[in-house]
Amino acid sequence: MRITAYDILEYLAGGMTEAEILEDFCELISEDIKACLAFAADREKKLFVTSL
């Protein structure tokens, strides 16, 4: 099963905790969730910089 970064971010935005996500998706590890957050932060930074 493949889980996208978007899916993980949606779960977090919807109120799920990291522990709940890890429990529901046993193939994920904590670093995967941190990587999704880093991806989102980097994307936001790039969108902000290019829109100036």
N, C-alpha and C. Protein backbone atom coordinates (compact mmCIF):
# COMPACT_ATOMS: atom_id res chain seq x y z
N MET A 1 0.84 -1.19 0.00
CA MET A 1 0.00 0.00 0.00
C MET A 1 0.88 1.24 0.00
N ARG A 2 0.51 2.20 -0.79
CA ARG A 2 1.26 3.45 -0.85
C ARG A 2 0.46 4.55 -0.18
N ILE A 3 1.13 5.30 0.63
CA ILE A 3 0.52 6.44 1.32
C ILE A 3 1.27 7.69 0.88
N THR A 4 0.55 8.67 0.40
CA THR A 4 1.20 9.87 -0.08
C THR A 4 1.47 10.84 1.06
N ALA A 5 2.40 11.76 0.80
CA ALA A 5 2.69 12.82 1.76
C ALA A 5 1.41 13.63 2.00
N TYR A 6 0.66 13.86 0.94
CA TYR A 6 -0.60 14.60 1.06
C TYR A 6 -1.55 13.90 2.05
N ASP A 7 -1.65 12.58 1.94
CA ASP A 7 -2.53 11.83 2.84
C ASP A 7 -2.11 12.02 4.30
N ILE A 8 -0.83 11.89 4.55
CA ILE A 8 -0.34 12.04 5.93
C ILE A 8 -0.59 13.44 6.44
N LEU A 9 -0.35 14.44 5.60
CA LEU A 9 -0.61 15.82 6.02
C LEU A 9 -2.09 16.05 6.29
N GLU A 10 -2.95 15.45 5.48
CA GLU A 10 -4.39 15.55 5.70
C GLU A 10 -4.80 14.91 7.02
N TYR A 11 -4.23 13.76 7.34
CA TYR A 11 -4.52 13.10 8.61
C TYR A 11 -4.11 13.98 9.78
N LEU A 12 -2.93 14.56 9.69
CA LEU A 12 -2.45 15.45 10.76
C LEU A 12 -3.34 16.69 10.87
N ALA A 13 -3.69 17.27 9.73
CA ALA A 13 -4.56 18.45 9.74
C ALA A 13 -5.94 18.12 10.28
N GLY A 14 -6.37 16.89 10.08
CA GLY A 14 -7.68 16.46 10.57
C GLY A 14 -7.70 16.11 12.05
N GLY A 15 -6.53 16.17 12.68
CA GLY A 15 -6.50 15.94 14.12
C GLY A 15 -5.89 14.62 14.57
N MET A 16 -5.50 13.77 13.63
CA MET A 16 -4.86 12.52 14.03
C MET A 16 -3.48 12.82 14.61
N THR A 17 -3.11 12.07 15.60
CA THR A 17 -1.78 12.21 16.17
C THR A 17 -0.80 11.33 15.39
N GLU A 18 0.47 11.61 15.59
CA GLU A 18 1.49 10.78 14.95
C GLU A 18 1.33 9.32 15.38
N ALA A 19 1.06 9.12 16.66
CA ALA A 19 0.89 7.75 17.18
C ALA A 19 -0.28 7.05 16.50
N GLU A 20 -1.38 7.76 16.27
CA GLU A 20 -2.55 7.16 15.62
C GLU A 20 -2.23 6.79 14.17
N ILE A 21 -1.51 7.64 13.49
CA ILE A 21 -1.14 7.35 12.10
C ILE A 21 -0.23 6.13 12.05
N LEU A 22 0.75 6.10 12.93
CA LEU A 22 1.67 4.96 12.96
C LEU A 22 0.96 3.66 13.31
N GLU A 23 -0.05 3.76 14.15
CA GLU A 23 -0.83 2.57 14.52
C GLU A 23 -1.66 2.07 13.33
N ASP A 24 -2.24 3.01 12.58
CA ASP A 24 -3.09 2.64 11.45
C ASP A 24 -2.28 2.16 10.24
N PHE A 25 -1.07 2.66 10.09
CA PHE A 25 -0.24 2.34 8.94
C PHE A 25 1.10 1.80 9.44
N CYS A 26 1.12 0.50 9.71
CA CYS A 26 2.28 -0.11 10.36
C CYS A 26 3.55 -0.06 9.51
N GLU A 27 3.41 0.21 8.21
CA GLU A 27 4.60 0.30 7.36
C GLU A 27 5.32 1.64 7.50
N LEU A 28 4.69 2.60 8.17
CA LEU A 28 5.31 3.91 8.38
C LEU A 28 6.12 3.91 9.66
N ILE A 29 7.12 4.79 9.68
CA ILE A 29 7.88 5.06 10.90
C ILE A 29 7.82 6.55 11.17
N SER A 30 8.20 6.94 12.35
CA SER A 30 8.12 8.35 12.77
C SER A 30 8.87 9.27 11.80
N GLU A 31 9.99 8.81 11.28
CA GLU A 31 10.77 9.63 10.35
C GLU A 31 10.01 9.92 9.06
N ASP A 32 9.12 9.02 8.67
CA ASP A 32 8.30 9.25 7.47
C ASP A 32 7.38 10.45 7.67
N ILE A 33 6.80 10.55 8.85
CA ILE A 33 5.90 11.67 9.13
C ILE A 33 6.70 12.97 9.20
N LYS A 34 7.85 12.92 9.82
CA LYS A 34 8.71 14.11 9.88
C LYS A 34 9.14 14.54 8.47
N ALA A 35 9.40 13.58 7.60
CA ALA A 35 9.77 13.88 6.22
C ALA A 35 8.62 14.57 5.48
N CYS A 36 7.39 14.16 5.75
CA CYS A 36 6.22 14.81 5.14
C CYS A 36 6.11 16.25 5.59
N LEU A 37 6.33 16.48 6.87
CA LEU A 37 6.27 17.85 7.39
C LEU A 37 7.39 18.70 6.79
N ALA A 38 8.58 18.14 6.67
CA ALA A 38 9.70 18.87 6.06
C ALA A 38 9.40 19.18 4.60
N PHE A 39 8.81 18.21 3.89
CA PHE A 39 8.43 18.41 2.49
C PHE A 39 7.44 19.57 2.36
N ALA A 40 6.43 19.58 3.23
CA ALA A 40 5.42 20.64 3.19
C ALA A 40 6.03 22.00 3.50
N ALA A 41 6.91 22.05 4.48
CA ALA A 41 7.56 23.30 4.84
C ALA A 41 8.43 23.81 3.70
N ASP A 42 9.17 22.91 3.06
CA ASP A 42 10.03 23.30 1.94
C ASP A 42 9.20 23.79 0.76
N ARG A 43 8.11 23.10 0.50
CA ARG A 43 7.22 23.51 -0.60
C ARG A 43 6.62 24.88 -0.33
N GLU A 44 6.20 25.12 0.89
CA GLU A 44 5.62 26.41 1.26
C GLU A 44 6.67 27.51 1.11
N LYS A 45 7.87 27.23 1.53
CA LYS A 45 8.96 28.21 1.41
C LYS A 45 9.21 28.55 -0.05
N LYS A 46 9.24 27.55 -0.91
CA LYS A 46 9.46 27.78 -2.34
C LYS A 46 8.32 28.57 -2.96
N LEU A 47 7.08 28.29 -2.56
CA LEU A 47 5.94 29.03 -3.08
C LEU A 47 5.99 30.49 -2.65
N PHE A 48 6.41 30.72 -1.41
CA PHE A 48 6.51 32.08 -0.90
C PHE A 48 7.59 32.86 -1.63
N VAL A 49 8.74 32.26 -1.81
CA VAL A 49 9.88 32.93 -2.45
C VAL A 49 9.57 33.23 -3.90
N THR A 50 8.97 32.31 -4.64
CA THR A 50 8.72 32.53 -6.05
C THR A 50 7.56 33.48 -6.30
N SER A 51 6.72 33.70 -5.30
CA SER A 51 5.59 34.59 -5.53
C SER A 51 5.92 36.05 -5.22
N LEU A 52 7.10 36.31 -4.71
CA LEU A 52 7.50 37.69 -4.42
C LEU A 52 7.78 38.43 -5.65
